Protein backbone atom coordinates (compact mmCIF):
# COMPACT_ATOMS: atom_id res chain seq x y z
CA UNK A 1 85.54 128.28 122.21
CA UNK A 2 82.91 129.79 124.55
CA UNK A 3 84.65 128.30 127.56
CA UNK A 4 87.96 129.89 126.56
CA UNK A 5 86.31 133.25 125.92
CA UNK A 6 84.72 133.19 129.37
CA UNK A 7 88.14 132.55 130.89
CA UNK A 8 89.66 135.28 128.70
CA UNK A 9 87.18 137.84 130.08
CA UNK A 10 87.92 136.70 133.63
CA UNK A 11 91.64 137.31 133.09
CA UNK A 12 90.89 140.76 131.67
CA UNK A 13 88.75 141.65 134.70
CA UNK A 14 91.02 140.22 137.41
CA UNK A 15 94.47 140.90 135.98
CA UNK A 16 96.16 137.57 136.81
CA UNK A 17 95.62 133.94 135.83
CA UNK A 18 95.41 132.95 139.49
CA UNK A 19 92.67 135.47 140.34
CA UNK A 20 90.76 134.64 137.15
CA UNK A 21 90.90 130.94 138.03
CA UNK A 22 89.39 131.66 141.42
CA UNK A 23 86.57 133.58 139.78
CA UNK A 24 85.61 130.86 137.28
CA UNK A 25 86.49 127.78 139.36
CA UNK A 26 89.67 126.71 137.55
CA UNK A 27 93.25 126.12 138.60
CA UNK A 28 95.90 128.55 137.40
CA UNK A 29 97.32 125.88 135.07
CA UNK A 30 93.85 125.28 133.57
CA UNK A 31 93.48 129.01 132.93
CA UNK A 32 96.89 129.08 131.26
CA UNK A 33 95.93 126.09 129.09
CA UNK A 34 92.66 127.69 127.97
CA UNK A 35 94.35 130.98 127.12
CA UNK A 36 97.00 129.09 125.10
CA UNK A 37 94.23 127.26 123.22
CA UNK A 38 92.45 130.56 122.51
CA UNK A 39 95.65 132.21 121.33
CA UNK A 40 96.30 129.22 119.06
CA UNK A 41 92.79 129.56 117.58
CA UNK A 42 93.16 133.34 117.12
CA UNK A 43 96.66 132.93 115.72
CA UNK A 44 98.50 135.44 117.92
CA UNK A 45 99.17 136.30 121.59
CA UNK A 46 96.47 138.24 123.40
CA UNK A 47 98.32 139.45 126.52
CA UNK A 48 101.53 141.15 127.54
CA UNK A 49 102.93 139.44 130.60
CA UNK A 50 104.80 141.27 133.38
CA UNK A 51 105.56 138.89 136.20
CA UNK A 52 102.26 137.45 137.41
CA UNK A 53 100.21 140.35 136.06
CA UNK A 54 98.90 140.42 132.47
CA UNK A 55 97.36 143.13 130.29
CA UNK A 56 95.80 143.10 126.87
CA UNK A 57 97.93 143.72 123.81
CA UNK A 58 96.52 145.08 120.53
CA UNK A 59 95.12 141.69 119.47
CA UNK A 60 93.51 141.22 122.87
CA UNK A 61 91.88 144.64 122.70
CA UNK A 62 90.43 143.79 119.27
CA UNK A 63 89.04 140.50 120.60
CA UNK A 64 87.53 141.93 123.80
CA UNK A 65 84.29 143.45 122.39
CA UNK A 66 83.73 140.43 120.14
CA UNK A 67 84.16 138.05 123.06
CA UNK A 68 81.65 140.00 125.13
CA UNK A 69 79.21 139.97 122.20
CA UNK A 70 79.57 136.21 121.64
CA UNK A 71 79.02 135.35 125.30
CA UNK A 72 76.02 137.67 125.48
CA UNK A 73 74.55 135.97 122.40
CA UNK A 74 75.13 132.53 123.93
CA UNK A 75 73.31 133.63 127.07
CA UNK A 76 70.37 134.88 125.01
CA UNK A 77 70.18 131.53 123.23
CA UNK A 78 70.16 129.67 126.54
CA UNK A 79 67.31 131.75 127.89
CA UNK A 80 65.24 131.88 124.70
CA UNK A 81 61.78 130.35 124.46
CA UNK A 82 61.64 127.32 122.18
CA UNK A 83 59.00 129.02 120.01
CA UNK A 84 61.52 131.71 119.11
CA UNK A 85 64.51 129.47 118.37
CA UNK A 86 66.21 130.45 115.12
CA UNK A 87 69.63 130.20 113.55
CA UNK A 88 72.14 127.44 112.89
CA UNK A 89 73.60 124.83 115.19
CA UNK A 90 76.24 122.18 114.60
CA UNK A 91 75.51 118.53 115.41
CA UNK A 92 78.15 115.81 115.12
CA UNK A 93 76.94 112.28 114.41
CA UNK A 94 78.59 108.98 113.56
CA UNK A 95 77.54 107.38 110.26
CA UNK A 96 75.25 104.69 111.68
CA UNK A 97 73.24 107.31 113.58
CA UNK A 98 72.94 109.54 110.51
CA UNK A 99 71.24 106.72 108.62
CA UNK A 100 69.40 105.33 111.66
CA UNK A 101 67.99 107.29 114.57
CA UNK A 102 68.88 110.84 113.49
CA UNK A 103 66.27 111.48 110.75
CA UNK A 104 63.40 110.80 113.17
CA UNK A 105 64.95 113.13 115.75
CA UNK A 106 65.46 115.93 113.22
CA UNK A 107 61.93 115.53 111.90
CA UNK A 108 60.58 116.09 115.41
CA UNK A 109 62.93 119.04 115.88
CA UNK A 110 61.71 120.55 112.60
CA UNK A 111 58.14 120.51 113.89
CA UNK A 112 59.04 122.05 117.27
CA UNK A 113 61.61 124.59 116.04
CA UNK A 114 61.16 125.22 112.30
CA UNK A 115 63.44 128.26 112.43
CA UNK A 116 66.50 126.18 113.37
CA UNK A 117 68.90 124.98 110.67
CA UNK A 118 71.02 121.95 111.59
CA UNK A 119 74.46 121.46 110.13
CA UNK A 120 75.44 117.77 110.40
CA UNK A 121 79.15 117.16 110.95
CA UNK A 122 80.33 113.57 110.25
CA UNK A 123 83.18 111.88 112.05
CA UNK A 124 84.31 109.14 114.37
CA UNK A 125 83.30 109.25 118.03
CA UNK A 126 86.63 110.40 119.50
CA UNK A 127 86.97 113.28 117.06
CA UNK A 128 83.38 114.44 117.57
CA UNK A 129 83.75 114.28 121.36
CA UNK A 130 86.87 116.43 121.15
CA UNK A 131 85.01 118.97 119.00
CA UNK A 132 82.20 119.23 121.56
CA UNK A 133 84.73 119.65 124.36
CA UNK A 134 86.45 122.48 122.46
CA UNK A 135 83.15 124.19 121.68
CA UNK A 136 83.35 123.61 117.92
CA UNK A 137 80.17 121.50 118.02
CA UNK A 138 77.01 122.19 120.00
CA UNK A 139 76.23 118.48 120.40
CA UNK A 140 77.42 115.08 119.22
CA UNK A 141 75.79 111.65 119.07
CA UNK A 142 78.54 109.08 119.47
CA UNK A 143 79.52 105.70 120.88
CA UNK A 144 80.01 105.75 124.66
CA UNK A 145 83.79 106.05 125.17
CA UNK A 146 85.69 103.60 127.40
CA UNK A 147 86.72 106.46 129.70
CA UNK A 148 84.98 109.08 131.81
CA UNK A 149 83.59 112.05 129.93
CA UNK A 150 84.75 115.56 130.92
CA UNK A 151 82.82 116.65 133.98
CA UNK A 152 81.53 119.85 132.39
CA UNK A 153 79.76 118.04 129.55
CA UNK A 154 76.15 116.86 129.66
CA UNK A 155 75.62 113.27 128.49
CA UNK A 156 72.66 110.95 128.09
CA UNK A 157 72.53 107.35 126.83
CA UNK A 158 70.21 107.27 123.81
CA UNK A 159 70.45 103.64 122.64
CA UNK A 160 71.96 100.28 123.55
CA UNK A 161 72.75 98.00 120.60
CA UNK A 162 73.70 94.31 120.93
CA UNK A 163 76.62 93.00 118.91
CA UNK A 164 75.97 90.05 116.61
CA UNK A 165 77.98 88.06 114.11
CA UNK A 166 76.96 88.41 110.49
CA UNK A 167 77.96 85.84 107.88
CA UNK A 168 77.33 85.34 104.14
CA UNK A 169 73.79 84.17 103.44
CA UNK A 170 75.00 80.82 102.01
CA UNK A 171 77.56 80.12 104.76
CA UNK A 172 77.63 76.97 106.89
CA UNK A 173 78.27 76.78 110.63
CA UNK A 174 76.05 77.73 113.55
CA UNK A 175 78.61 78.81 116.13
CA UNK A 176 80.95 81.79 116.25
CA UNK A 177 83.94 79.47 116.49
CA UNK A 178 82.88 77.38 113.48
CA UNK A 179 82.32 80.43 111.31
CA UNK A 180 85.68 81.93 112.24
CA UNK A 181 87.42 78.65 111.38
CA UNK A 182 86.09 78.75 107.82
CA UNK A 183 85.89 82.49 107.14
CA UNK A 184 88.23 85.45 107.65
CA UNK A 185 87.07 88.31 109.84
CA UNK A 186 86.06 91.69 108.45
CA UNK A 187 87.13 93.67 111.51
CA UNK A 188 85.22 96.65 112.85
CA UNK A 189 87.99 99.29 113.04
CA UNK A 190 89.91 98.59 116.23
CA UNK A 191 90.69 102.30 116.59
CA UNK A 192 86.99 103.09 117.12
CA UNK A 193 85.21 102.75 120.46
CA UNK A 194 82.98 99.96 119.11
CA UNK A 195 85.91 98.21 117.44
CA UNK A 196 87.78 98.10 120.73
CA UNK A 197 84.84 96.18 122.19
CA UNK A 198 85.16 93.59 119.42
CA UNK A 199 88.88 93.17 120.12
CA UNK A 200 88.19 92.67 123.84
CA UNK A 201 85.49 90.08 123.03
CA UNK A 202 87.90 88.11 120.84
CA UNK A 203 90.57 88.25 123.53
CA UNK A 204 88.15 87.05 126.24
CA UNK A 205 87.05 84.14 124.05
CA UNK A 206 90.68 83.45 123.05
CA UNK A 207 89.73 83.65 119.40
CA UNK A 208 92.43 84.50 116.86
CA UNK A 209 90.70 84.81 113.50
CA UNK A 210 92.40 85.63 110.23
CA UNK A 211 91.67 89.26 109.47
CA UNK A 212 91.02 90.12 105.82
CA UNK A 213 89.69 93.66 106.06
CA UNK A 214 89.38 96.40 108.67
CA UNK A 215 87.01 99.37 108.33
CA UNK A 216 84.75 101.56 110.42
CA UNK A 217 81.46 102.07 108.56
CA UNK A 218 78.89 99.45 109.61
CA UNK A 219 76.84 99.31 106.41
CA UNK A 220 80.08 98.96 104.42
CA UNK A 221 81.13 96.05 106.66
CA UNK A 222 77.77 94.34 106.05
CA UNK A 223 78.25 94.86 102.31
CA UNK A 224 81.67 93.17 102.44
CA UNK A 225 80.16 90.20 104.26
CA UNK A 226 77.30 90.05 101.75
CA UNK A 227 79.89 89.70 98.97
CA UNK A 228 81.52 86.73 100.72
CA UNK A 229 84.64 88.51 101.96
CA UNK A 230 84.31 87.14 105.49
CA UNK A 231 82.24 87.35 108.67
CA UNK A 232 81.98 90.28 111.06
CA UNK A 233 81.07 91.26 114.62
CA UNK A 234 79.03 94.46 114.51
CA UNK A 235 76.25 96.15 116.49
CA UNK A 236 72.73 95.33 115.35
CA UNK A 237 72.18 98.60 113.50
CA UNK A 238 72.44 100.01 109.99
CA UNK A 239 70.46 100.21 106.79
CA UNK A 240 71.36 96.62 105.84
CA UNK A 241 68.87 95.35 108.47
CA UNK A 242 65.94 96.82 106.51
CA UNK A 243 66.62 95.01 103.26
CA UNK A 244 64.38 92.07 102.39
CA UNK A 245 65.43 89.38 102.17
CA UNK A 246 68.29 90.01 104.57
CA UNK A 247 71.59 90.09 102.64
CA UNK A 248 73.47 88.21 105.41
CA UNK A 249 72.91 85.69 108.16
CA UNK A 250 72.64 87.00 111.73
CA UNK A 251 74.14 84.80 114.44
CA UNK A 252 73.37 85.83 118.03
CA UNK A 253 76.16 85.74 120.63
CA UNK A 254 73.93 84.29 123.36
CA UNK A 255 75.37 84.56 126.84
CA UNK A 256 78.44 86.28 125.38
CA UNK A 257 76.40 89.19 124.00
CA UNK A 258 77.94 92.61 124.57
CA UNK A 259 76.52 96.02 123.74
CA UNK A 260 77.42 99.33 122.14
CA UNK A 261 75.95 102.28 124.01
CA UNK A 262 75.22 105.46 122.08
CA UNK A 263 75.29 108.76 123.93
CA UNK A 264 74.25 112.33 123.27
CA UNK A 265 76.94 114.75 124.50
CA UNK A 266 76.60 118.53 124.70
CA UNK A 267 78.16 121.48 126.49
CA UNK A 268 74.78 122.54 127.88
CA UNK A 269 72.13 120.58 129.76
CA UNK A 270 68.39 120.61 128.92
CA UNK A 271 67.80 123.12 131.73
CA UNK A 272 70.39 125.47 130.21
CA UNK A 273 69.38 125.15 126.56
CA UNK A 274 65.88 124.93 125.05
CA UNK A 275 67.43 123.30 121.99
CA UNK A 276 68.96 120.47 124.02
CA UNK A 277 65.63 120.05 125.79
CA UNK A 278 63.88 119.71 122.42
CA UNK A 279 66.38 117.08 121.27
CA UNK A 280 65.76 115.09 124.44
CA UNK A 281 62.02 115.29 123.85
CA UNK A 282 62.52 114.08 120.28
CA UNK A 283 64.66 111.18 121.46
CA UNK A 284 61.96 110.17 123.92
CA UNK A 285 59.30 110.39 121.21
CA UNK A 286 61.30 108.09 118.90
CA UNK A 287 61.42 105.44 121.61
CA UNK A 288 65.18 105.16 122.00
CA UNK A 289 66.55 102.30 124.03
CA UNK A 290 67.85 98.80 123.47
CA UNK A 291 67.80 97.63 119.84
CA UNK A 292 67.12 94.11 118.75
């Protein structure tokens, strides 16, 4: 919402959407879109429109001092020293990161900024990305989407995970093709970014397996395979990898190996936010990179 509030103040100061757009580097249509989004969030119109000119109505006048206060607070947070960081921030993270990389990162953050409280927001990558773009989340750790990220977001690749096939521990067959001939596929949700990669892999290899189940959570997929419900193509991540003995067989894809990239996405860069800088330091300290 901070982006919309900044545009709102520009409209108040300059009197038209066109002039406000020139001041903040947006087209007139982009200004109109942001004001519509803000009015939808607030629940009522904020301006009276007379031709091209606009002026605040009663709701807009009520919002004005609060908007100025919120943007001033955001600026103070950006310029704060890391030693003085306090308050709450909202971090979106997909399930496999919550049980994998994230605890180490948050432990390092707790040492560097003990006054910061982190609220973890679960979700799938597309939803979390949208929440960062709207300003509802400060940061998200998600699967790299198959499209370009919005230009005003900061992004950094934090891990690269190879896909493997997992099969029941007592299964026969050494090749992907042989396993798919004798077992149904537990499909990584094709609506997710990672699941789309699995679908493309199957299409490239011209494989048409029987699909028994489709779900998104990686540890749940491994559990289904452990119980003999099929085989699966998933990234080499998750709590199941740390069980001994391993509950499933791992079959490498060899020259056909493809990867899931995980990215950190935020509205601010490390130079703009001490908190983002601390997260980057924590990621470096945990040794992020290719898994497997």
